[in-house]
Amino acid sequence: MSKSIAKQVHDIDDVFDDVVHNLKKMAKHLGEDAGDALSKTAASVAHSAVELMEDAKAQSKVLAEKTGKEVREHPAATAAIAAAAAALIGLAIAQRRKPAA
């Protein structure tokens, strides 16, 4: 994996870790004070969000590793896809700048 991709994956990991940490903290506080149905529901949502973020973190790592492998194995195809994407973005910007008829 290139250094820039590795750094981006590391940065994403840090963001996921921060979100999971804060969600766990929120779930703990909600769980301690969950006396009514709304508080119990909020605690359940927080616990589910923690699980979702942990799954997303794992999946993003796998996806980044697979992407890096594909780029290394097929550099010409990667360059062609990047060029096509750049052309489409340029076309979209050009179309957006045209005055409406």
PDB file of N, CA and C in Angstrom:
ATOM      1  N   MET A   1       0.851  -1.175   0.000  1.00  0.00           N
ATOM      2  CA  MET A   1       0.000   0.000   0.000  1.00  0.00           C
ATOM      3  C   MET A   1       0.894   1.233   0.000  1.00  0.00           C
ATOM      4  N   SER A   2       0.558   2.234  -0.799  1.00  0.00           N
ATOM      5  CA  SER A   2       1.387   3.422  -0.834  1.00  0.00           C
ATOM      6  C   SER A   2       1.284   4.172   0.483  1.00  0.00           C
ATOM      7  N   LYS A   3       2.254   5.071   0.695  1.00  0.00           N
ATOM      8  CA  LYS A   3       2.284   5.810   1.958  1.00  0.00           C
ATOM      9  C   LYS A   3       1.045   6.674   2.139  1.00  0.00           C
ATOM     10  N   SER A   4       0.587   7.316   1.062  1.00  0.00           N
ATOM     11  CA  SER A   4      -0.578   8.184   1.201  1.00  0.00           C
ATOM     12  C   SER A   4      -1.837   7.378   1.513  1.00  0.00           C
ATOM     13  N   ILE A   5      -1.992   6.228   0.871  1.00  0.00           N
ATOM     14  CA  ILE A   5      -3.151   5.382   1.174  1.00  0.00           C
ATOM     15  C   ILE A   5      -3.046   4.851   2.597  1.00  0.00           C
ATOM     16  N   ALA A   6      -1.847   4.436   2.994  1.00  0.00           N
ATOM     17  CA  ALA A   6      -1.659   3.927   4.353  1.00  0.00           C
ATOM     18  C   ALA A   6      -1.974   5.015   5.379  1.00  0.00           C
ATOM     19  N   LYS A   7      -1.561   6.254   5.094  1.00  0.00           N
ATOM     20  CA  LYS A   7      -1.845   7.357   6.021  1.00  0.00           C
ATOM     21  C   LYS A   7      -3.349   7.618   6.093  1.00  0.00           C
ATOM     22  N   GLN A   8      -4.020   7.572   4.931  1.00  0.00           N
ATOM     23  CA  GLN A   8      -5.463   7.791   4.922  1.00  0.00           C
ATOM     24  C   GLN A   8      -6.188   6.705   5.708  1.00  0.00           C
ATOM     25  N   VAL A   9      -5.757   5.469   5.548  1.00  0.00           N
ATOM     26  CA  VAL A   9      -6.374   4.371   6.299  1.00  0.00           C
ATOM     27  C   VAL A   9      -6.134   4.582   7.787  1.00  0.00           C
ATOM     28  N   HIS A  10      -4.921   4.994   8.149  1.00  0.00           N
ATOM     29  CA  HIS A  10      -4.618   5.254   9.560  1.00  0.00           C
ATOM     30  C   HIS A  10      -5.489   6.395  10.099  1.00  0.00           C
ATOM     31  N   ASP A  11      -5.654   7.463   9.299  1.00  0.00           N
ATOM     32  CA  ASP A  11      -6.496   8.582   9.707  1.00  0.00           C
ATOM     33  C   ASP A  11      -7.943   8.140   9.890  1.00  0.00           C
ATOM     34  N   ILE A  12      -8.431   7.304   8.973  1.00  0.00           N
ATOM     35  CA  ILE A  12      -9.804   6.795   9.086  1.00  0.00           C
ATOM     36  C   ILE A  12      -9.936   5.941  10.347  1.00  0.00           C
ATOM     37  N   ASP A  13      -8.916   5.131  10.619  1.00  0.00           N
ATOM     38  CA  ASP A  13      -8.934   4.327  11.845  1.00  0.00           C
ATOM     39  C   ASP A  13      -9.040   5.213  13.078  1.00  0.00           C
ATOM     40  N   ASP A  14      -8.286   6.314  13.075  1.00  0.00           N
ATOM     41  CA  ASP A  14      -8.338   7.238  14.218  1.00  0.00           C
ATOM     42  C   ASP A  14      -9.738   7.826  14.380  1.00  0.00           C
ATOM     43  N   VAL A  15     -10.367   8.199  13.264  1.00  0.00           N
ATOM     44  CA  VAL A  15     -11.723   8.756  13.326  1.00  0.00           C
ATOM     45  C   VAL A  15     -12.694   7.707  13.853  1.00  0.00           C
ATOM     46  N   PHE A  16     -12.607   6.477  13.331  1.00  0.00           N
ATOM     47  CA  PHE A  16     -13.473   5.408  13.810  1.00  0.00           C
ATOM     48  C   PHE A  16     -13.266   5.185  15.307  1.00  0.00           C
ATOM     49  N   ASP A  17     -12.005   5.166  15.739  1.00  0.00           N
ATOM     50  CA  ASP A  17     -11.718   4.960  17.161  1.00  0.00           C
ATOM     51  C   ASP A  17     -12.336   6.052  18.019  1.00  0.00           C
ATOM     52  N   ASP A  18     -12.235   7.308  17.574  1.00  0.00           N
ATOM     53  CA  ASP A  18     -12.824   8.423  18.315  1.00  0.00           C
ATOM     54  C   ASP A  18     -14.345   8.293  18.399  1.00  0.00           C
ATOM     55  N   VAL A  19     -14.965   7.964  17.266  1.00  0.00           N
ATOM     56  CA  VAL A  19     -16.426   7.829  17.247  1.00  0.00           C
ATOM     57  C   VAL A  19     -16.869   6.691  18.152  1.00  0.00           C
ATOM     58  N   VAL A  20     -16.193   5.554  18.046  1.00  0.00           N
ATOM     59  CA  VAL A  20     -16.551   4.400  18.879  1.00  0.00           C
ATOM     60  C   VAL A  20     -16.362   4.736  20.357  1.00  0.00           C
ATOM     61  N   HIS A  21     -15.255   5.394  20.687  1.00  0.00           N
ATOM     62  CA  HIS A  21     -15.003   5.764  22.089  1.00  0.00           C
ATOM     63  C   HIS A  21     -16.129   6.660  22.621  1.00  0.00           C
ATOM     64  N   ASN A  22     -16.490   7.681  21.844  1.00  0.00           N
ATOM     65  CA  ASN A  22     -17.543   8.599  22.294  1.00  0.00           C
ATOM     66  C   ASN A  22     -18.910   7.939  22.346  1.00  0.00           C
ATOM     67  N   LEU A  23     -19.184   7.049  21.403  1.00  0.00           N
ATOM     68  CA  LEU A  23     -20.461   6.328  21.448  1.00  0.00           C
ATOM     69  C   LEU A  23     -20.532   5.404  22.659  1.00  0.00           C
ATOM     70  N   LYS A  24     -19.417   4.743  22.974  1.00  0.00           N
ATOM     71  CA  LYS A  24     -19.394   3.868  24.155  1.00  0.00           C
ATOM     72  C   LYS A  24     -19.604   4.677  25.421  1.00  0.00           C
ATOM     73  N   LYS A  25     -18.979   5.851  25.467  1.00  0.00           N
ATOM     74  CA  LYS A  25     -19.143   6.721  26.637  1.00  0.00           C
ATOM     75  C   LYS A  25     -20.604   7.162  26.769  1.00  0.00           C
ATOM     76  N   MET A  26     -21.210   7.539  25.636  1.00  0.00           N
ATOM     77  CA  MET A  26     -22.607   7.947  25.646  1.00  0.00           C
ATOM     78  C   MET A  26     -23.506   6.780  26.059  1.00  0.00           C
ATOM     79  N   ALA A  27     -23.246   5.602  25.523  1.00  0.00           N
ATOM     80  CA  ALA A  27     -24.058   4.432  25.862  1.00  0.00           C
ATOM     81  C   ALA A  27     -23.949   4.116  27.347  1.00  0.00           C
ATOM     82  N   LYS A  28     -22.752   4.263  27.909  1.00  0.00           N
ATOM     83  CA  LYS A  28     -22.563   3.995  29.338  1.00  0.00           C
ATOM     84  C   LYS A  28     -23.402   4.954  30.180  1.00  0.00           C
ATOM     85  N   HIS A  29     -23.325   6.246  29.838  1.00  0.00           N
ATOM     86  CA  HIS A  29     -24.097   7.238  30.598  1.00  0.00           C
ATOM     87  C   HIS A  29     -25.596   7.043  30.422  1.00  0.00           C
ATOM     88  N   LEU A  30     -26.013   6.733  29.205  1.00  0.00           N
ATOM     89  CA  LEU A  30     -27.436   6.498  28.968  1.00  0.00           C
ATOM     90  C   LEU A  30     -27.897   5.240  29.686  1.00  0.00           C
ATOM     91  N   GLY A  31     -27.056   4.224  29.666  1.00  0.00           N
ATOM     92  CA  GLY A  31     -27.418   2.970  30.318  1.00  0.00           C
ATOM     93  C   GLY A  31     -27.570   3.113  31.816  1.00  0.00           C
ATOM     94  N   GLU A  32     -26.728   3.937  32.413  1.00  0.00           N
ATOM     95  CA  GLU A  32     -26.791   4.148  33.858  1.00  0.00           C
ATOM     96  C   GLU A  32     -28.059   4.877  34.269  1.00  0.00           C
ATOM     97  N   ASP A  33     -28.512   5.786  33.409  1.00  0.00           N
ATOM     98  CA  ASP A  33     -29.676   6.611  33.750  1.00  0.00           C
ATOM     99  C   ASP A  33     -30.941   6.190  33.014  1.00  0.00           C
ATOM    100  N   ALA A  34     -30.935   5.026  32.397  1.00  0.00           N
ATOM    101  CA  ALA A  34     -32.066   4.614  31.569  1.00  0.00           C
ATOM    102  C   ALA A  34     -33.237   4.181  32.444  1.00  0.00           C
ATOM    103  N   GLY A  35     -34.055   5.135  32.790  1.00  0.00           N
ATOM    104  CA  GLY A  35     -35.219   4.835  33.605  1.00  0.00           C
ATOM    105  C   GLY A  35     -36.501   4.824  32.803  1.00  0.00           C
ATOM    106  N   ASP A  36     -36.542   5.547  31.717  1.00  0.00           N
ATOM    107  CA  ASP A  36     -37.751   5.593  30.909  1.00  0.00           C
ATOM    108  C   ASP A  36     -37.490   4.940  29.549  1.00  0.00           C
ATOM    109  N   ALA A  37     -38.543   4.781  28.796  1.00  0.00           N
ATOM    110  CA  ALA A  37     -38.442   4.086  27.516  1.00  0.00           C
ATOM    111  C   ALA A  37     -37.540   4.834  26.537  1.00  0.00           C
ATOM    112  N   LEU A  38     -37.603   6.154  26.532  1.00  0.00           N
ATOM    113  CA  LEU A  38     -36.784   6.936  25.616  1.00  0.00           C
ATOM    114  C   LEU A  38     -35.300   6.759  25.923  1.00  0.00           C
ATOM    115  N   SER A  39     -34.937   6.767  27.179  1.00  0.00           N
ATOM    116  CA  SER A  39     -33.532   6.578  27.559  1.00  0.00           C
ATOM    117  C   SER A  39     -33.054   5.180  27.200  1.00  0.00           C
ATOM    118  N   LYS A  40     -33.897   4.185  27.412  1.00  0.00           N
ATOM    119  CA  LYS A  40     -33.532   2.811  27.059  1.00  0.00           C
ATOM    120  C   LYS A  40     -33.340   2.674  25.553  1.00  0.00           C
ATOM    121  N   THR A  41     -34.215   3.321  24.785  1.00  0.00           N
ATOM    122  CA  THR A  41     -34.098   3.280  23.329  1.00  0.00           C
ATOM    123  C   THR A  41     -32.820   3.979  22.877  1.00  0.00           C
ATOM    124  N   ALA A  42     -32.524   5.120  23.473  1.00  0.00           N
ATOM    125  CA  ALA A  42     -31.305   5.848  23.121  1.00  0.00           C
ATOM    126  C   ALA A  42     -30.068   5.012  23.441  1.00  0.00           C
ATOM    127  N   ALA A  43     -30.086   4.313  24.561  1.00  0.00           N
ATOM    128  CA  ALA A  43     -28.961   3.451  24.919  1.00  0.00           C
ATOM    129  C   ALA A  43     -28.810   2.315  23.908  1.00  0.00           C
ATOM    130  N   SER A  44     -29.924   1.742  23.477  1.00  0.00           N
ATOM    131  CA  SER A  44     -29.886   0.675  22.479  1.00  0.00           C
ATOM    132  C   SER A  44     -29.334   1.184  21.148  1.00  0.00           C
ATOM    133  N   VAL A  45     -29.756   2.368  20.750  1.00  0.00           N
ATOM    134  CA  VAL A  45     -29.256   2.966  19.515  1.00  0.00           C
ATOM    135  C   VAL A  45     -27.749   3.205  19.623  1.00  0.00           C
ATOM    136  N   ALA A  46     -27.298   3.696  20.761  1.00  0.00           N
ATOM    137  CA  ALA A  46     -25.866   3.949  20.953  1.00  0.00           C
ATOM    138  C   ALA A  46     -25.069   2.648  20.872  1.00  0.00           C
ATOM    139  N   HIS A  47     -25.579   1.585  21.493  1.00  0.00           N
ATOM    140  CA  HIS A  47     -24.888   0.291  21.425  1.00  0.00           C
ATOM    141  C   HIS A  47     -24.845  -0.223  19.982  1.00  0.00           C
ATOM    142  N   SER A  48     -25.948  -0.084  19.258  1.00  0.00           N
ATOM    143  CA  SER A  48     -25.983  -0.509  17.857  1.00  0.00           C
ATOM    144  C   SER A  48     -25.020   0.320  17.009  1.00  0.00           C
ATOM    145  N   ALA A  49     -24.936   1.612  17.288  1.00  0.00           N
ATOM    146  CA  ALA A  49     -24.019   2.482  16.544  1.00  0.00           C
ATOM    147  C   ALA A  49     -22.571   2.067  16.782  1.00  0.00           C
ATOM    148  N   VAL A  50     -22.248   1.678  18.007  1.00  0.00           N
ATOM    149  CA  VAL A  50     -20.887   1.207  18.304  1.00  0.00           C
ATOM    150  C   VAL A  50     -20.581  -0.030  17.467  1.00  0.00           C
ATOM    151  N   GLU A  51     -21.498  -0.976  17.431  1.00  0.00           N
ATOM    152  CA  GLU A  51     -21.295  -2.190  16.644  1.00  0.00           C
ATOM    153  C   GLU A  51     -21.140  -1.857  15.158  1.00  0.00           C
ATOM    154  N   LEU A  52     -21.973  -0.943  14.668  1.00  0.00           N
ATOM    155  CA  LEU A  52     -21.902  -0.536  13.270  1.00  0.00           C
ATOM    156  C   LEU A  52     -20.554   0.102  12.958  1.00  0.00           C
ATOM    157  N   MET A  53     -20.078   0.980  13.820  1.00  0.00           N
ATOM    158  CA  MET A  53     -18.795   1.648  13.582  1.00  0.00           C
ATOM    159  C   MET A  53     -17.643   0.649  13.621  1.00  0.00           C
ATOM    160  N   GLU A  54     -17.698  -0.307  14.523  1.00  0.00           N
ATOM    161  CA  GLU A  54     -16.636  -1.307  14.589  1.00  0.00           C
ATOM    162  C   GLU A  54     -16.623  -2.164  13.320  1.00  0.00           C
ATOM    163  N   ASP A  55     -17.803  -2.524  12.823  1.00  0.00           N
ATOM    164  CA  ASP A  55     -17.892  -3.275  11.567  1.00  0.00           C
ATOM    165  C   ASP A  55     -17.393  -2.438  10.392  1.00  0.00           C
ATOM    166  N   ALA A  56     -17.778  -1.162  10.359  1.00  0.00           N
ATOM    167  CA  ALA A  56     -17.353  -0.283   9.268  1.00  0.00           C
ATOM    168  C   ALA A  56     -15.840  -0.124   9.269  1.00  0.00           C
ATOM    169  N   LYS A  57     -15.251  -0.019  10.439  1.00  0.00           N
ATOM    170  CA  LYS A  57     -13.793   0.110  10.535  1.00  0.00           C
ATOM    171  C   LYS A  57     -13.116  -1.129   9.962  1.00  0.00           C
ATOM    172  N   ALA A  58     -13.588  -2.290  10.337  1.00  0.00           N
ATOM    173  CA  ALA A  58     -12.997  -3.537   9.839  1.00  0.00           C
ATOM    174  C   ALA A  58     -13.162  -3.645   8.325  1.00  0.00           C
ATOM    175  N   GLN A  59     -14.334  -3.308   7.839  1.00  0.00           N
ATOM    176  CA  GLN A  59     -14.587  -3.399   6.401  1.00  0.00           C
ATOM    177  C   GLN A  59     -13.762  -2.384   5.616  1.00  0.00           C
ATOM    178  N   SER A  60     -13.573  -1.188   6.159  1.00  0.00           N
ATOM    179  CA  SER A  60     -12.785  -0.187   5.447  1.00  0.00           C
ATOM    180  C   SER A  60     -11.330  -0.609   5.343  1.00  0.00           C
ATOM    181  N   LYS A  61     -10.821  -1.275   6.372  1.00  0.00           N
ATOM    182  CA  LYS A  61      -9.441  -1.768   6.312  1.00  0.00           C
ATOM    183  C   LYS A  61      -9.299  -2.819   5.221  1.00  0.00           C
ATOM    184  N   VAL A  62     -10.237  -3.750   5.172  1.00  0.00           N
ATOM    185  CA  VAL A  62     -10.202  -4.803   4.160  1.00  0.00           C
ATOM    186  C   VAL A  62     -10.308  -4.191   2.767  1.00  0.00           C
ATOM    187  N   LEU A  63     -11.221  -3.248   2.591  1.00  0.00           N
ATOM    188  CA  LEU A  63     -11.400  -2.607   1.297  1.00  0.00           C
ATOM    189  C   LEU A  63     -10.142  -1.850   0.874  1.00  0.00           C
ATOM    190  N   ALA A  64      -9.526  -1.136   1.796  1.00  0.00           N
ATOM    191  CA  ALA A  64      -8.302  -0.401   1.476  1.00  0.00           C
ATOM    192  C   ALA A  64      -7.181  -1.356   1.067  1.00  0.00           C
ATOM    193  N   GLU A  65      -7.071  -2.483   1.754  1.00  0.00           N
ATOM    194  CA  GLU A  65      -6.041  -3.459   1.411  1.00  0.00           C
ATOM    195  C   GLU A  65      -6.298  -4.059   0.022  1.00  0.00           C
ATOM    196  N   LYS A  66      -7.561  -4.391  -0.259  1.00  0.00           N
ATOM    197  CA  LYS A  66      -7.907  -4.947  -1.569  1.00  0.00           C
ATOM    198  C   LYS A  66      -7.675  -3.922  -2.672  1.00  0.00           C
ATOM    199  N   THR A  67      -8.026  -2.670  -2.408  1.00  0.00           N
ATOM    200  CA  THR A  67      -7.822  -1.617  -3.400  1.00  0.00           C
ATOM    201  C   THR A  67      -6.343  -1.448  -3.696  1.00  0.00           C
ATOM    202  N   GLY A  68      -5.522  -1.411  -2.656  1.00  0.00           N
ATOM    203  CA  GLY A  68      -4.080  -1.291  -2.849  1.00  0.00           C
ATOM    204  C   GLY A  68      -3.521  -2.435  -3.665  1.00  0.00           C
ATOM    205  N   LYS A  69      -3.993  -3.631  -3.399  1.00  0.00           N
ATOM    206  CA  LYS A  69      -3.541  -4.813  -4.139  1.00  0.00           C
ATOM    207  C   LYS A  69      -3.939  -4.718  -5.606  1.00  0.00           C
ATOM    208  N   GLU A  70      -5.183  -4.319  -5.869  1.00  0.00           N
ATOM    209  CA  GLU A  70      -5.655  -4.193  -7.250  1.00  0.00           C
ATOM    210  C   GLU A  70      -4.876  -3.122  -8.003  1.00  0.00           C
ATOM    211  N   VAL A  71      -4.586  -2.011  -7.348  1.00  0.00           N
ATOM    212  CA  VAL A  71      -3.832  -0.934  -7.997  1.00  0.00           C
ATOM    213  C   VAL A  71      -2.437  -1.424  -8.367  1.00  0.00           C
ATOM    214  N   ARG A  72      -1.804  -2.157  -7.464  1.00  0.00           N
ATOM    215  CA  ARG A  72      -0.460  -2.683  -7.750  1.00  0.00           C
ATOM    216  C   ARG A  72      -0.486  -3.718  -8.873  1.00  0.00           C
ATOM    217  N   GLU A  73      -1.534  -4.546  -8.902  1.00  0.00           N
ATOM    218  CA  GLU A  73      -1.608  -5.602  -9.908  1.00  0.00           C
ATOM    219  C   GLU A  73      -2.046  -5.103 -11.279  1.00  0.00           C
ATOM    220  N   HIS A  74      -2.797  -4.019 -11.322  1.00  0.00           N
ATOM    221  CA  HIS A  74      -3.355  -3.522 -12.587  1.00  0.00           C
ATOM    222  C   HIS A  74      -3.155  -2.006 -12.707  1.00  0.00           C
ATOM    223  N   PRO A  75      -1.920  -1.542 -12.792  1.00  0.00           N
ATOM    224  CA  PRO A  75      -1.695  -0.092 -12.833  1.00  0.00           C
ATOM    225  C   PRO A  75      -2.278   0.580 -14.075  1.00  0.00           C
ATOM    226  N   ALA A  76      -2.242  -0.086 -15.221  1.00  0.00           N
ATOM    227  CA  ALA A  76      -2.782   0.523 -16.443  1.00  0.00           C
ATOM    228  C   ALA A  76      -4.294   0.701 -16.335  1.00  0.00           C
ATOM    229  N   ALA A  77      -4.976  -0.301 -15.845  1.00  0.00           N
ATOM    230  CA  ALA A  77      -6.427  -0.203 -15.679  1.00  0.00           C
ATOM    231  C   ALA A  77      -6.775   0.875 -14.663  1.00  0.00           C
ATOM    232  N   THR A  78      -5.987   0.976 -13.612  1.00  0.00           N
ATOM    233  CA  THR A  78      -6.223   2.003 -12.594  1.00  0.00           C
ATOM    234  C   THR A  78      -6.073   3.390 -13.201  1.00  0.00           C
ATOM    235  N   ALA A  79      -5.028   3.575 -14.006  1.00  0.00           N
ATOM    236  CA  ALA A  79      -4.816   4.864 -14.657  1.00  0.00           C
ATOM    237  C   ALA A  79      -5.968   5.198 -15.604  1.00  0.00           C
ATOM    238  N   ALA A  80      -6.452   4.214 -16.343  1.00  0.00           N
ATOM    239  CA  ALA A  80      -7.568   4.431 -17.269  1.00  0.00           C
ATOM    240  C   ALA A  80      -8.839   4.815 -16.516  1.00  0.00           C
ATOM    241  N   ILE A  81      -9.093   4.144 -15.418  1.00  0.00           N
ATOM    242  CA  ILE A  81     -10.282   4.460 -14.613  1.00  0.00           C
ATOM    243  C   ILE A  81     -10.169   5.863 -14.030  1.00  0.00           C
ATOM    244  N   ALA A  82      -8.978   6.222 -13.544  1.00  0.00           N
ATOM    245  CA  ALA A  82      -8.768   7.559 -12.985  1.00  0.00           C
ATOM    246  C   ALA A  82      -8.954   8.626 -14.067  1.00  0.00           C
ATOM    247  N   ALA A  83      -8.443   8.375 -15.271  1.00  0.00           N
ATOM    248  CA  ALA A  83      -8.600   9.329 -16.374  1.00  0.00           C
ATOM    249  C   ALA A  83     -10.073   9.475 -16.761  1.00  0.00           C
ATOM    250  N   ALA A  84     -10.788   8.366 -16.814  1.00  0.00           N
ATOM    251  CA  ALA A  84     -12.215   8.418 -17.153  1.00  0.00           C
ATOM    252  C   ALA A  84     -12.996   9.181 -16.086  1.00  0.00           C
ATOM    253  N   ALA A  85     -12.663   8.943 -14.831  1.00  0.00           N
ATOM    254  CA  ALA A  85     -13.341   9.655 -13.742  1.00  0.00           C
ATOM    255  C   ALA A  85     -13.059  11.152 -13.825  1.00  0.00           C
ATOM    256  N   ALA A  86     -11.818  11.516 -14.102  1.00  0.00           N
ATOM    257  CA  ALA A  86     -11.467  12.930 -14.233  1.00  0.00           C
ATOM    258  C   ALA A  86     -12.214  13.564 -15.404  1.00  0.00           C
ATOM    259  N   ALA A  87     -12.318  12.836 -16.513  1.00  0.00           N
ATOM    260  CA  ALA A  87     -13.046  13.354 -17.672  1.00  0.00           C
ATOM    261  C   ALA A  87     -14.525  13.552 -17.348  1.00  0.00           C
ATOM    262  N   LEU A  88     -15.118  12.613 -16.654  1.00  0.00           N
ATOM    263  CA  LEU A  88     -16.533  12.735 -16.276  1.00  0.00           C
ATOM    264  C   LEU A  88     -16.761  13.908 -15.330  1.00  0.00           C
ATOM    265  N   ILE A  89     -15.849  14.088 -14.395  1.00  0.00           N
ATOM    266  CA  ILE A  89     -15.969  15.221 -13.465  1.00  0.00           C
ATOM    267  C   ILE A  89     -15.842  16.532 -14.239  1.00  0.00           C
ATOM    268  N   GLY A  90     -14.870  16.585 -15.151  1.00  0.00           N
ATOM    269  CA  GLY A  90     -14.711  17.787 -15.975  1.00  0.00           C
ATOM    270  C   GLY A  90     -15.946  18.073 -16.812  1.00  0.00           C
ATOM    271  N   LEU A  91     -16.515  17.046 -17.393  1.00  0.00           N
ATOM    272  CA  LEU A  91     -17.733  17.198 -18.185  1.00  0.00           C
ATOM    273  C   LEU A  91     -18.887  17.694 -17.318  1.00  0.00           C
ATOM    274  N   ALA A  92     -19.014  17.139 -16.139  1.00  0.00           N
ATOM    275  CA  ALA A  92     -20.092  17.561 -15.228  1.00  0.00           C
ATOM    276  C   ALA A  92     -19.925  19.022 -14.837  1.00  0.00           C
ATOM    277  N   ILE A  93     -18.695  19.442 -14.574  1.00  0.00           N
ATOM    278  CA  ILE A  93     -18.445  20.842 -14.208  1.00  0.00           C
ATOM    279  C   ILE A  93     -18.763  21.754 -15.386  1.00  0.00           C
ATOM    280  N   ALA A  94     -18.340  21.336 -16.581  1.00  0.00           N
ATOM    281  CA  ALA A  94     -18.616  22.150 -17.785  1.00  0.00           C
ATOM    282  C   ALA A  94     -20.120  22.281 -18.017  1.00  0.00           C
ATOM    283  N   GLN A  95     -20.854  21.201 -17.852  1.00  0.00           N
ATOM    284  CA  GLN A  95     -22.308  21.238 -18.040  1.00  0.00           C
ATOM    285  C   GLN A  95     -22.978  22.120 -17.000  1.00  0.00           C
ATOM    286  N   ARG A  96     -22.442  22.099 -15.812  1.00  0.00           N
ATOM    287  CA  ARG A  96     -23.036  22.888 -14.722  1.00  0.00           C
ATOM    288  C   ARG A  96     -22.839  24.377 -14.959  1.00  0.00           C
ATOM    289  N   ARG A  97     -21.712  24.749 -15.591  1.00  0.00           N
ATOM    290  CA  ARG A  97     -21.395  26.159 -15.823  1.00  0.00           C
ATOM    291  C   ARG A  97     -22.143  26.750 -17.006  1.00  0.00           C
ATOM    292  N   LYS A  98     -22.691  25.909 -17.875  1.00  0.00           N
ATOM    293  CA  LYS A  98     -23.429  26.421 -19.036  1.00  0.00           C
ATOM    294  C   LYS A  98     -24.717  27.087 -18.562  1.00  0.00           C
ATOM    295  N   PRO A  99     -25.015  28.249 -19.137  1.00  0.00           N
ATOM    296  CA  PRO A  99     -26.286  28.901 -18.766  1.00  0.00           C
ATOM    297  C   PRO A  99     -27.475  28.098 -19.312  1.00  0.00           C
ATOM    298  N   ALA A 100     -28.538  28.109 -18.559  1.00  0.00           N
ATOM    299  CA  ALA A 100     -29.749  27.380 -18.970  1.00  0.00           C
ATOM    300  C   ALA A 100     -30.337  28.042 -20.206  1.00  0.00           C
ATOM    301  N   ALA A 101     -30.808  27.237 -21.143  1.00  0.00           N
ATOM    302  CA  ALA A 101     -31.365  27.778 -22.396  1.00  0.00           C
ATOM    303  C   ALA A 101     -32.812  28.135 -22.223  1.00  0.00           C
TER     304      ALA A 101
END
